[in-house]
Protein backbone atom coordinates (compact mmCIF):
# COMPACT_ATOMS: atom_id res chain seq x y z
CA ARG A 1 105.68 51.83 -5.02
CA HIS A 2 104.82 49.94 -1.84
CA LEU A 3 106.16 51.35 1.41
CA PHE A 4 108.21 48.25 2.19
CA ALA A 5 109.63 48.25 -1.33
CA LEU A 6 110.93 51.78 -0.72
CA GLY A 7 112.59 50.61 2.48
CA ASP A 8 114.07 47.57 0.80
CA HIS A 9 115.42 49.69 -2.07
CA ALA A 10 117.03 52.18 0.33
CA TYR A 11 118.65 49.40 2.35
CA SER A 12 119.91 47.65 -0.81
CA GLN A 13 121.38 50.91 -2.08
CA LEU A 14 123.07 51.47 1.26
CA LEU A 15 124.74 48.06 1.03
CA SER A 16 125.71 48.30 -2.63
CA THR A 17 126.93 51.90 -2.75
CA GLY A 18 127.93 52.64 0.84
CA GLN A 19 126.17 55.99 0.55
CA ASN A 20 123.61 57.45 2.93
CA GLN A 21 119.97 57.02 1.87
CA SER A 22 116.99 59.24 2.70
CA ILE A 23 113.24 58.65 2.77
CA ILE A 24 111.02 61.72 3.24
CA PHE A 25 107.47 61.60 4.59
CA SER A 26 105.35 64.64 3.74
CA GLY A 27 101.70 65.48 3.30
CA GLU A 28 98.70 67.16 4.83
CA SER A 29 97.54 66.56 8.39
CA ALA A 30 95.89 63.14 8.81
CA SER A 31 97.46 61.86 5.56
CA GLY A 32 99.17 58.97 7.39
CA LYS A 33 102.76 60.20 7.68
CA THR A 34 103.29 59.00 11.24
CA GLU A 35 101.69 55.58 10.75
CA ASN A 36 103.61 54.94 7.53
CA PHE A 37 106.84 56.00 9.22
CA LYS A 38 106.20 53.57 12.09
CA ARG A 39 105.45 50.73 9.67
CA LEU A 40 108.60 51.40 7.67
CA LEU A 41 110.68 51.60 10.83
CA SER A 42 109.28 48.27 11.99
CA TYR A 43 110.04 46.73 8.60
CA LEU A 44 113.65 47.94 8.61
CA MET A 45 114.10 46.66 12.16
CA GLU A 46 112.83 43.23 11.17
CA THR A 47 114.73 42.87 7.90
CA ALA A 48 118.13 44.27 8.84
CA PRO A 49 120.28 42.36 11.34
CA THR A 50 121.02 44.20 14.60
CA GLY A 51 124.54 44.50 15.94
CA SER A 52 127.48 43.94 13.59
CA LEU A 53 129.84 41.03 13.92
CA GLY A 54 132.27 41.29 16.80
CA GLN A 55 130.39 44.11 18.48
CA LYS A 56 130.23 43.98 22.26
CA ARG A 57 127.72 46.80 22.62
CA PRO A 58 124.07 45.86 23.29
CA ARG A 59 121.92 45.29 20.24
CA ILE A 60 119.16 47.70 19.32
CA ARG A 61 115.92 45.99 20.26
CA PRO A 62 112.62 46.53 18.43
CA ASP A 63 110.94 47.32 21.76
CA GLN A 64 113.36 50.21 22.29
CA MET A 65 112.42 51.75 18.96
CA THR A 66 108.73 51.26 19.78
CA ALA A 67 109.24 52.88 23.18
CA VAL A 68 110.85 55.95 21.60
CA GLN A 69 107.89 56.31 19.26
CA THR A 70 105.49 55.99 22.20
CA VAL A 71 107.22 58.80 24.07
CA LEU A 72 107.36 61.01 20.98
CA GLU A 73 103.65 60.46 20.42
CA SER A 74 102.70 61.59 23.92
CA PHE A 75 105.05 64.58 23.99
CA GLY A 76 104.70 65.60 20.34
CA HIS A 77 101.16 64.69 19.26
CA ALA A 78 97.86 66.43 19.96
CA ARG A 79 94.25 66.48 18.90
CA THR A 80 93.54 68.93 16.08
CA MET A 81 90.37 69.57 14.11
CA LYS A 82 91.54 67.11 11.46
CA ASN A 83 93.15 64.39 13.53
CA ASN A 84 92.82 63.04 17.08
CA ASN A 85 96.50 62.12 17.09
CA ALA A 86 98.25 64.66 14.89
CA SER A 87 102.02 64.95 15.03
CA ARG A 88 103.01 68.53 15.82
CA PHE A 89 106.71 68.26 15.07
CA GLY A 90 109.15 67.50 12.32
CA ASN A 91 112.31 65.52 12.84
CA VAL A 92 115.08 63.54 11.21
CA THR A 93 115.46 59.97 12.45
CA GLU A 94 118.82 58.48 11.54
CA LEU A 95 119.30 54.71 11.49
CA LEU A 96 122.98 53.91 11.97
CA TYR A 97 124.40 50.87 10.19
CA LYS A 98 127.75 49.16 10.51
CA GLN A 99 128.72 46.42 8.08
CA GLY A 100 125.10 46.19 7.00
CA ALA A 101 123.81 45.72 10.54
CA LEU A 102 121.65 48.16 12.46
CA SER A 103 123.81 49.38 15.33
CA GLY A 104 121.95 52.43 16.61
CA PHE A 105 119.64 55.34 15.90
CA GLN A 106 119.33 59.01 16.77
CA ILE A 107 116.71 61.73 16.41
CA LYS A 108 117.92 65.11 15.20
CA ASP A 109 116.44 68.49 14.25
CA PHE A 110 113.36 68.11 16.44
CA LEU A 111 111.08 70.99 15.37
CA LEU A 112 108.20 71.25 17.84
CA GLU A 113 105.05 73.37 17.61
CA LYS A 114 105.79 74.94 21.00
CA SER A 115 103.03 77.52 20.65
CA ARG A 116 100.55 74.70 21.35
CA VAL A 117 101.84 74.56 24.93
CA ILE A 118 100.23 77.94 25.66
CA MET A 119 97.34 78.17 23.17
CA GLN A 120 94.92 75.85 21.38
CA ASN A 121 92.05 76.52 18.99
CA ALA A 122 88.49 75.49 19.79
CA GLY A 123 88.07 71.72 19.57
CA GLU A 124 91.80 71.06 19.92
CA ARG A 125 94.03 69.92 22.77
CA ASN A 126 97.48 70.62 24.09
CA PHE A 127 100.04 67.82 23.78
CA HIS A 128 98.72 64.45 25.00
CA ILE A 129 101.23 64.13 27.84
CA PHE A 130 99.63 66.91 29.91
CA TYR A 131 96.23 65.21 29.98
CA GLU A 132 97.89 61.86 30.60
CA LEU A 133 99.76 63.37 33.54
CA CYS A 134 96.57 64.75 35.10
CA ALA A 135 94.75 61.45 34.64
CA GLY A 136 97.52 58.97 35.39
CA LEU A 137 99.72 60.31 38.18
CA PRO A 138 99.26 58.38 41.45
CA SER A 139 97.15 60.24 44.00
CA ALA A 140 100.09 60.78 46.35
CA THR A 141 102.19 62.31 43.54
CA LYS A 142 99.28 64.50 42.43
CA THR A 143 99.07 65.87 45.95
CA LYS A 144 102.83 66.40 46.07
CA PHE A 145 102.78 68.25 42.73
CA GLY A 146 99.50 70.10 43.35
CA ILE A 147 97.96 68.50 40.26
CA LYS A 148 94.19 68.43 39.71
CA SER A 149 92.05 67.42 36.74
CA ALA A 150 92.85 68.88 33.31
CA GLN A 151 89.86 71.23 33.32
CA ASN A 152 91.53 73.30 36.06
CA TYR A 153 94.42 74.47 33.87
CA PHE A 154 94.35 77.39 31.45
CA TYR A 155 96.92 75.75 29.20
CA LEU A 156 94.65 72.70 28.83
CA ASN A 157 91.07 73.99 28.76
CA GLN A 158 91.17 76.68 26.07
CA GLY A 159 90.02 74.33 23.32
CA LYS A 160 87.10 73.01 25.38
CA CYS A 161 88.23 69.49 24.50
CA LEU A 162 89.58 67.60 27.48
CA GLU A 163 89.02 64.03 26.33
CA ILE A 164 89.27 62.05 23.10
CA ALA A 165 86.72 59.34 22.38
CA GLY A 166 88.28 55.89 22.55
CA ARG A 167 91.48 57.10 24.19
CA SER A 168 92.20 56.63 27.89
CA ASP A 169 94.70 59.22 29.10
CA GLU A 170 95.13 57.29 32.35
CA GLU A 171 96.10 54.09 30.53
CA ARG A 172 98.34 56.00 28.15
CA PHE A 173 100.26 57.48 31.08
CA THR A 174 101.11 53.98 32.26
CA THR A 175 102.21 53.13 28.72
CA VAL A 176 104.49 56.19 28.66
CA GLN A 177 106.03 55.22 31.99
CA ASN A 178 106.73 51.72 30.68
CA ALA A 179 108.25 53.19 27.53
CA LEU A 180 110.54 55.46 29.55
CA ASP A 181 111.61 52.39 31.56
CA THR A 182 112.44 50.57 28.33
CA ILE A 183 114.48 53.49 26.97
CA GLY A 184 116.48 53.60 30.19
CA PHE A 185 115.06 56.56 32.14
CA SER A 186 115.54 56.02 35.88
CA GLN A 187 112.69 56.68 38.30
CA ASP A 188 114.42 59.87 39.43
CA GLN A 189 114.71 61.07 35.82
CA GLN A 190 111.06 60.34 35.16
CA HIS A 191 110.12 62.12 38.38
CA THR A 192 112.03 65.20 37.19
CA VAL A 193 110.24 65.19 33.82
CA PHE A 194 106.85 65.01 35.51
CA ARG A 195 107.79 67.80 37.93
CA VAL A 196 108.59 70.11 35.01
CA LEU A 197 105.31 69.23 33.28
CA ALA A 198 103.41 70.00 36.48
CA ALA A 199 105.30 73.29 36.83
CA ILE A 200 104.22 74.31 33.32
CA LEU A 201 100.57 73.69 34.20
CA HIS A 202 100.83 75.79 37.35
CA LEU A 203 102.68 78.50 35.42
CA GLY A 204 99.78 78.80 33.00
CA ASN A 205 97.48 79.59 35.92
CA VAL A 206 99.64 82.50 37.12
CA PHE A 207 97.74 85.74 36.51
CA PHE A 208 98.53 89.39 37.03
CA ARG A 209 96.87 92.59 38.20
CA GLN A 210 97.67 96.02 36.87
CA LYS A 211 98.91 98.64 39.31
CA LYS A 212 100.32 102.15 39.31
CA LEU A 213 103.64 103.00 40.88
CA PRO A 214 104.09 106.26 42.85
CA ASN A 215 105.57 107.88 39.73
CA GLU A 216 102.41 106.90 37.79
CA GLN A 217 104.34 104.29 35.81
CA GLU A 218 102.29 101.23 34.86
CA ALA A 219 103.35 97.94 36.46
CA VAL A 220 101.92 94.55 37.41
CA GLU A 221 101.70 92.39 40.48
CA LEU A 222 100.81 88.75 40.87
CA GLY A 223 97.12 88.06 41.27
CA GLY A 224 97.85 85.35 43.83
CA GLU A 225 100.71 83.50 45.48
CA SER A 226 99.59 79.87 45.31
CA GLU A 227 100.52 79.06 41.70
CA ILE A 228 103.84 80.92 41.74
CA ASN A 229 104.82 79.02 44.89
CA TRP A 230 103.97 75.71 43.23
CA VAL A 231 106.09 76.61 40.19
CA ALA A 232 109.03 77.62 42.37
CA TYR A 233 108.72 74.48 44.48
CA LEU A 234 108.54 72.15 41.49
CA LEU A 235 111.44 73.82 39.68
CA GLN A 236 113.37 74.17 42.95
CA ILE A 237 114.04 77.87 42.55
CA ASP A 238 113.53 80.89 44.80
CA PRO A 239 109.93 82.19 44.50
CA ASP A 240 111.03 85.81 44.90
CA HIS A 241 113.45 85.43 41.99
CA LEU A 242 110.72 83.86 39.87
CA ARG A 243 108.36 86.68 40.80
CA ASP A 244 110.94 89.24 39.64
CA ILE A 245 111.42 87.39 36.34
CA LEU A 246 107.70 87.55 35.62
CA THR A 247 107.07 91.18 36.62
CA THR A 248 110.26 93.12 35.85
CA LYS A 249 113.16 93.22 33.43
CA ASP A 250 116.77 94.26 33.72
CA THR A 251 117.88 96.95 31.34
CA GLU A 252 120.79 99.32 30.93
CA VAL A 253 120.29 103.07 30.83
CA LYS A 254 123.36 105.24 30.20
CA SER A 255 125.65 102.37 31.24
CA GLU A 256 123.74 101.90 34.46
CA ARG A 257 121.68 98.83 35.33
CA ALA A 258 118.01 99.54 35.97
CA ILE A 259 115.00 97.40 36.96
CA VAL A 260 112.02 98.26 34.78
CA PRO A 261 108.47 97.04 35.60
CA LEU A 262 106.56 95.13 32.94
CA ASP A 263 103.04 95.95 31.85
CA ILE A 264 100.41 93.23 31.95
CA ASN A 265 100.83 92.14 28.33
CA GLN A 266 104.59 91.89 28.71
CA ALA A 267 104.20 89.86 31.89
CA LEU A 268 101.86 87.40 30.16
CA ASP A 269 104.32 87.11 27.28
CA VAL A 270 107.18 86.32 29.68
CA ARG A 271 105.05 83.72 31.45
CA ASP A 272 104.17 82.01 28.17
CA GLU A 273 107.72 82.18 26.82
CA LEU A 274 108.99 80.53 29.99
CA ALA A 275 106.42 77.74 29.64
CA GLN A 276 107.45 77.10 26.04
CA LEU A 277 111.13 77.16 26.98
CA LEU A 278 110.60 74.59 29.73
CA TYR A 279 108.68 72.26 27.43
CA GLY A 280 111.15 72.66 24.58
CA GLN A 281 113.98 71.51 26.83
């Protein structure tokens, strides 16, 4: 059955039965799930009226839906060995109808491949937004955030694939900014998002050196101060507190609180877990 016929059937069933309808997109990577979803979404936007009678709330505009998809693509898609623009998440998009009219939408159960933030296979990239940030931020903002080209960041250069043929990360960054404007993100909100992204890149460049404590216990220390200071500045937290988070852990021994040093593998794990946590939020 044609894609639009599926959409038309679901909408007709919604009107005739008053029951929720579901359409599931599944398949292998590069099978066309994302593109088919976008086409169906566009079809439903065009065929169903927006805003029910007597509503005073603003109507849902097609450009708002398109803007949401643009943002999701940059933050949730990446180059893989099979696809230059592979979606690395699963989600439920709910279209909300009232009296047969499209009155809103929401995205739920966003399941992101957060491990990609810290590690990529050869020939693959991290999420698009990081490369777009490095290419598209204005020079003054790059200086303020300490951002350089993508090749300088461990979280971006592992796959040895910094660019995608036919795709301009600089132009895409402008497109993302316009999409965030359309959705309703203020300049301050956008600035905060970009600060966090920059902090993640600096966090990935934090490295550690092994050391021995006087009691011969193994511990770690930061290999340098520059990156940790950038992370603290961008996240607006105390650098000493961040340093403690990355090199020690609080534990309880016989009902007494104790500070235990991390070994180098544990410190790297904490660093990477923090990066994934920041991106997931």
